[in-house]
Amino acid sequence: MVIGMTEVFQVEARAVVEGLKLAWMKCYKHVEINCDNALLIDTICNGFGSISNIRKV
């Protein structure tokens, strides 16, 4: 199965968002995210403004 970079980014971003939602529901306020997707890390660290289809948690 071959998927493009956009799909990979979306899948990894969704996984991070869902993980953060779960951590928040369990009252964890400090979490560490391990990810090897440089674009996703940059987006998380520098805000979501440059990507219009991702909303803040």
Foldseek 3Di string as FASTA:
>chain_A
DDDDPVVVLVVVLVVVVVVVVVCVVVVNPDDDDDDPPPVNVCCVVVHVVVPVVDDDD
